[in-house]
Amino acid sequence: VEALRERRTGLPCDERKRAEEVAMRSTFQHMSFEHLCRQDSESKVWICPPNLNGLKLLDACTVEDKKELRRRCQSFLQTVAEMEEDSIAIVTHKGFLREMERGPLGRESAEEFGNCEVRVYDVTFPRDGGDPIGLLRHQRSSP
């Protein structure tokens, strides 16, 4: 979960809530957040307060630039490369997806993702540990 979060900007919309807090919302009562709550408590994840007054954020909550986000995307793709599954779905924020496309997947001119847009890639991970190769197979914008 933490690897897929939006780029940290200091704005409230780019910070995630603790899974425990989200699980209490009536909208999500039909869903189980058990594994995410456990992950939050085990990893002692930093949930940063919004930077509403221009105050200095805690060190663990510093603003993340695109270069740092691309490093996180690369690290996430290394985790994907070690998975045994043939297919996975990545559901996250457009900022993360944009930097994964433009960075590690090498599509520097990739357009911004639309809301609920679906893109399907075939990704090949070279055995020598080089950069992954992403081939866009399908793209569908939301209506």
C-alpha atoms as a PDB file:
ATOM      1  CA  VAL A   1       0.000   0.000   0.000  1.00  0.00           C
ATOM      2  CA  GLU A   2       2.682   2.497   0.961  1.00  0.00           C
ATOM      3  CA  ALA A   3       4.639   1.842  -2.243  1.00  0.00           C
ATOM      4  CA  LEU A   4       1.598   2.785  -4.345  1.00  0.00           C
ATOM      5  CA  ARG A   5       0.673   5.996  -2.552  1.00  0.00           C
ATOM      6  CA  GLU A   6       0.423   9.311  -4.360  1.00  0.00           C
ATOM      7  CA  ARG A   7       3.456  11.582  -4.566  1.00  0.00           C
ATOM      8  CA  ARG A   8       3.852  13.354  -1.238  1.00  0.00           C
ATOM      9  CA  THR A   9       3.240  17.073  -1.858  1.00  0.00           C
ATOM     10  CA  GLY A  10       2.200  18.297   1.586  1.00  0.00           C
ATOM     11  CA  LEU A  11      -1.377  18.812   0.346  1.00  0.00           C
ATOM     12  CA  PRO A  12      -4.200  16.988   2.175  1.00  0.00           C
ATOM     13  CA  CYS A  13      -5.439  15.325  -1.041  1.00  0.00           C
ATOM     14  CA  ASP A  14      -2.061  13.589  -1.497  1.00  0.00           C
ATOM     15  CA  GLU A  15      -1.849  12.003   1.956  1.00  0.00           C
ATOM     16  CA  ARG A  16      -3.480   8.719   2.759  1.00  0.00           C
ATOM     17  CA  LYS A  17      -5.461   7.899   5.864  1.00  0.00           C
ATOM     18  CA  ARG A  18      -4.752   4.978   8.151  1.00  0.00           C
ATOM     19  CA  ALA A  19      -6.575   1.855   6.982  1.00  0.00           C
ATOM     20  CA  GLU A  20      -8.261   1.655  10.384  1.00  0.00           C
ATOM     21  CA  GLU A  21      -9.820   5.092   9.851  1.00  0.00           C
ATOM     22  CA  VAL A  22     -11.032   4.278   6.331  1.00  0.00           C
ATOM     23  CA  ALA A  23     -12.485   0.930   7.477  1.00  0.00           C
ATOM     24  CA  MET A  24     -14.799   2.759   9.914  1.00  0.00           C
ATOM     25  CA  ARG A  25     -16.572   4.686   7.143  1.00  0.00           C
ATOM     26  CA  SER A  26     -20.079   3.376   6.446  1.00  0.00           C
ATOM     27  CA  THR A  27     -19.319   3.390   2.723  1.00  0.00           C
ATOM     28  CA  PHE A  28     -16.758   0.628   3.197  1.00  0.00           C
ATOM     29  CA  GLN A  29     -18.507  -1.529   5.821  1.00  0.00           C
ATOM     30  CA  HIS A  30     -18.851  -4.393   3.333  1.00  0.00           C
ATOM     31  CA  MET A  31     -15.068  -4.563   2.805  1.00  0.00           C
ATOM     32  CA  SER A  32     -12.333  -6.116   4.904  1.00  0.00           C
ATOM     33  CA  PHE A  33      -9.372  -3.889   5.744  1.00  0.00           C
ATOM     34  CA  GLU A  34      -7.803  -6.403   8.133  1.00  0.00           C
ATOM     35  CA  HIS A  35      -4.657  -7.023   6.097  1.00  0.00           C
ATOM     36  CA  LEU A  36      -4.141  -3.288   5.502  1.00  0.00           C
ATOM     37  CA  CYS A  37      -4.617  -2.447   9.190  1.00  0.00           C
ATOM     38  CA  ARG A  38      -2.086  -5.130  10.090  1.00  0.00           C
ATOM     39  CA  GLN A  39       0.321  -3.783   7.461  1.00  0.00           C
ATOM     40  CA  ASP A  40      -0.048  -0.240   8.826  1.00  0.00           C
ATOM     41  CA  SER A  41       0.731  -1.320  12.382  1.00  0.00           C
ATOM     42  CA  GLU A  42       3.620  -3.618  11.401  1.00  0.00           C
ATOM     43  CA  SER A  43       5.349  -1.116   9.142  1.00  0.00           C
ATOM     44  CA  LYS A  44       4.685   1.854  11.438  1.00  0.00           C
ATOM     45  CA  VAL A  45       3.845   3.801   8.315  1.00  0.00           C
ATOM     46  CA  TRP A  46       4.002   7.592   8.497  1.00  0.00           C
ATOM     47  CA  ILE A  47       0.648   9.211   7.952  1.00  0.00           C
ATOM     48  CA  CYS A  48       1.649  12.823   7.548  1.00  0.00           C
ATOM     49  CA  PRO A  49      -0.454  15.747   8.662  1.00  0.00           C
ATOM     50  CA  PRO A  50      -1.467  18.097   5.851  1.00  0.00           C
ATOM     51  CA  ASN A  51       0.831  21.078   5.444  1.00  0.00           C
ATOM     52  CA  LEU A  52      -1.901  23.708   5.573  1.00  0.00           C
ATOM     53  CA  ASN A  53       0.083  26.587   7.062  1.00  0.00           C
ATOM     54  CA  GLY A  54       3.380  26.220   5.230  1.00  0.00           C
ATOM     55  CA  LEU A  55       4.954  24.701   8.365  1.00  0.00           C
ATOM     56  CA  LYS A  56       8.002  22.486   8.050  1.00  0.00           C
ATOM     57  CA  LEU A  57       6.885  18.876   7.742  1.00  0.00           C
ATOM     58  CA  LEU A  58       8.447  16.074   9.745  1.00  0.00           C
ATOM     59  CA  ASP A  59      11.532  14.579   8.071  1.00  0.00           C
ATOM     60  CA  ALA A  60       9.615  11.410   7.146  1.00  0.00           C
ATOM     61  CA  CYS A  61       6.931  13.616   5.604  1.00  0.00           C
ATOM     62  CA  THR A  62       9.033  15.752   3.302  1.00  0.00           C
ATOM     63  CA  VAL A  63       7.700  16.659  -0.094  1.00  0.00           C
ATOM     64  CA  GLU A  64       8.644  14.043  -2.674  1.00  0.00           C
ATOM     65  CA  ASP A  65       9.875  15.216  -6.074  1.00  0.00           C
ATOM     66  CA  LYS A  66       9.334  13.318  -9.341  1.00  0.00           C
ATOM     67  CA  LYS A  67      12.831  11.816  -9.229  1.00  0.00           C
ATOM     68  CA  GLU A  68      12.152  10.314  -5.792  1.00  0.00           C
ATOM     69  CA  LEU A  69       8.767   9.046  -6.958  1.00  0.00           C
ATOM     70  CA  ARG A  70      10.360   7.373  -9.974  1.00  0.00           C
ATOM     71  CA  ARG A  71      12.801   5.603  -7.639  1.00  0.00           C
ATOM     72  CA  ARG A  72       9.805   4.335  -5.651  1.00  0.00           C
ATOM     73  CA  CYS A  73       8.139   3.193  -8.899  1.00  0.00           C
ATOM     74  CA  GLN A  74      11.326   1.350  -9.884  1.00  0.00           C
ATOM     75  CA  SER A  75      11.469  -0.334  -6.483  1.00  0.00           C
ATOM     76  CA  PHE A  76       7.825  -1.359  -6.794  1.00  0.00           C
ATOM     77  CA  LEU A  77       8.470  -2.841 -10.240  1.00  0.00           C
ATOM     78  CA  GLN A  78      11.335  -4.899  -8.755  1.00  0.00           C
ATOM     79  CA  THR A  79       8.769  -6.343  -6.327  1.00  0.00           C
ATOM     80  CA  VAL A  80       6.443  -7.091  -9.247  1.00  0.00           C
ATOM     81  CA  ALA A  81       9.298  -8.814 -11.112  1.00  0.00           C
ATOM     82  CA  GLU A  82       9.665 -11.247  -8.190  1.00  0.00           C
ATOM     83  CA  MET A  83       5.969 -12.197  -8.196  1.00  0.00           C
ATOM     84  CA  GLU A  84       4.848 -15.540  -9.568  1.00  0.00           C
ATOM     85  CA  GLU A  85       1.564 -14.245 -11.003  1.00  0.00           C
ATOM     86  CA  ASP A  86       1.198 -13.905 -14.768  1.00  0.00           C
ATOM     87  CA  SER A  87      -1.116 -10.896 -14.495  1.00  0.00           C
ATOM     88  CA  ILE A  88      -1.672  -8.235 -11.845  1.00  0.00           C
ATOM     89  CA  ALA A  89      -3.823  -5.118 -11.623  1.00  0.00           C
ATOM     90  CA  ILE A  90      -2.278  -1.959 -10.199  1.00  0.00           C
ATOM     91  CA  VAL A  91      -4.864   0.452  -8.845  1.00  0.00           C
ATOM     92  CA  THR A  92      -3.377   3.679  -7.582  1.00  0.00           C
ATOM     93  CA  HIS A  93      -3.149   7.422  -8.164  1.00  0.00           C
ATOM     94  CA  LYS A  94      -2.473   9.002 -11.529  1.00  0.00           C
ATOM     95  CA  GLY A  95       0.711  10.691 -10.287  1.00  0.00           C
ATOM     96  CA  PHE A  96       2.251   7.327  -9.416  1.00  0.00           C
ATOM     97  CA  LEU A  97       1.109   5.762 -12.697  1.00  0.00           C
ATOM     98  CA  ARG A  98       2.343   8.736 -14.746  1.00  0.00           C
ATOM     99  CA  GLU A  99       5.828   8.596 -13.241  1.00  0.00           C
ATOM    100  CA  MET A 100       5.968   4.799 -13.584  1.00  0.00           C
ATOM    101  CA  GLU A 101       5.118   5.159 -17.292  1.00  0.00           C
ATOM    102  CA  ARG A 102       7.417   8.095 -17.967  1.00  0.00           C
ATOM    103  CA  GLY A 103      10.248   6.703 -15.827  1.00  0.00           C
ATOM    104  CA  PRO A 104      10.860   2.947 -15.504  1.00  0.00           C
ATOM    105  CA  LEU A 105       8.544   1.956 -18.401  1.00  0.00           C
ATOM    106  CA  GLY A 106      10.240   4.466 -20.726  1.00  0.00           C
ATOM    107  CA  ARG A 107       7.167   6.207 -22.180  1.00  0.00           C
ATOM    108  CA  GLU A 108       8.361   9.787 -21.644  1.00  0.00           C
ATOM    109  CA  SER A 109       5.547  11.289 -23.712  1.00  0.00           C
ATOM    110  CA  ALA A 110       2.749   9.318 -21.986  1.00  0.00           C
ATOM    111  CA  GLU A 111      -0.394  11.381 -21.505  1.00  0.00           C
ATOM    112  CA  GLU A 112      -1.955  12.070 -18.103  1.00  0.00           C
ATOM    113  CA  PHE A 113      -4.294   9.348 -16.879  1.00  0.00           C
ATOM    114  CA  GLY A 114      -7.978  10.195 -16.910  1.00  0.00           C
ATOM    115  CA  ASN A 115     -10.225   9.376 -13.956  1.00  0.00           C
ATOM    116  CA  CYS A 116     -10.831   5.588 -13.876  1.00  0.00           C
ATOM    117  CA  GLU A 117      -8.784   5.104 -17.045  1.00  0.00           C
ATOM    118  CA  VAL A 118      -7.513   1.597 -17.789  1.00  0.00           C
ATOM    119  CA  ARG A 119      -4.194   0.878 -19.496  1.00  0.00           C
ATOM    120  CA  VAL A 120      -2.946  -2.639 -20.092  1.00  0.00           C
ATOM    121  CA  TYR A 121       0.779  -3.306 -20.441  1.00  0.00           C
ATOM    122  CA  ASP A 122       2.880  -6.345 -21.213  1.00  0.00           C
ATOM    123  CA  VAL A 123       5.969  -5.842 -19.080  1.00  0.00           C
ATOM    124  CA  THR A 124       9.170  -7.820 -19.574  1.00  0.00           C
ATOM    125  CA  PHE A 125      11.841  -7.862 -16.881  1.00  0.00           C
ATOM    126  CA  PRO A 126      15.333  -8.488 -18.316  1.00  0.00           C
ATOM    127  CA  ARG A 127      17.274 -11.257 -16.566  1.00  0.00           C
ATOM    128  CA  ASP A 128      20.312  -8.982 -16.209  1.00  0.00           C
ATOM    129  CA  GLY A 129      18.298  -6.699 -13.925  1.00  0.00           C
ATOM    130  CA  GLY A 130      18.063  -3.868 -16.469  1.00  0.00           C
ATOM    131  CA  ASP A 131      15.094  -1.581 -16.877  1.00  0.00           C
ATOM    132  CA  PRO A 132      11.733  -3.254 -17.498  1.00  0.00           C
ATOM    133  CA  ILE A 133      10.281  -3.029 -20.988  1.00  0.00           C
ATOM    134  CA  GLY A 134       6.632  -1.953 -21.091  1.00  0.00           C
ATOM    135  CA  LEU A 135       4.497  -2.428 -24.180  1.00  0.00           C
ATOM    136  CA  LEU A 136       1.131  -0.641 -24.076  1.00  0.00           C
ATOM    137  CA  ARG A 137      -1.513  -3.138 -25.300  1.00  0.00           C
ATOM    138  CA  HIS A 138      -4.780  -1.387 -24.507  1.00  0.00           C
ATOM    139  CA  GLN A 139      -5.969   2.022 -23.356  1.00  0.00           C
ATOM    140  CA  ARG A 140      -9.552   2.937 -22.466  1.00  0.00           C
ATOM    141  CA  SER A 141     -10.682   6.240 -21.027  1.00  0.00           C
ATOM    142  CA  SER A 142     -13.646   6.519 -18.729  1.00  0.00           C
ATOM    143  CA  PRO A 143     -16.905   7.649 -20.350  1.00  0.00           C
END
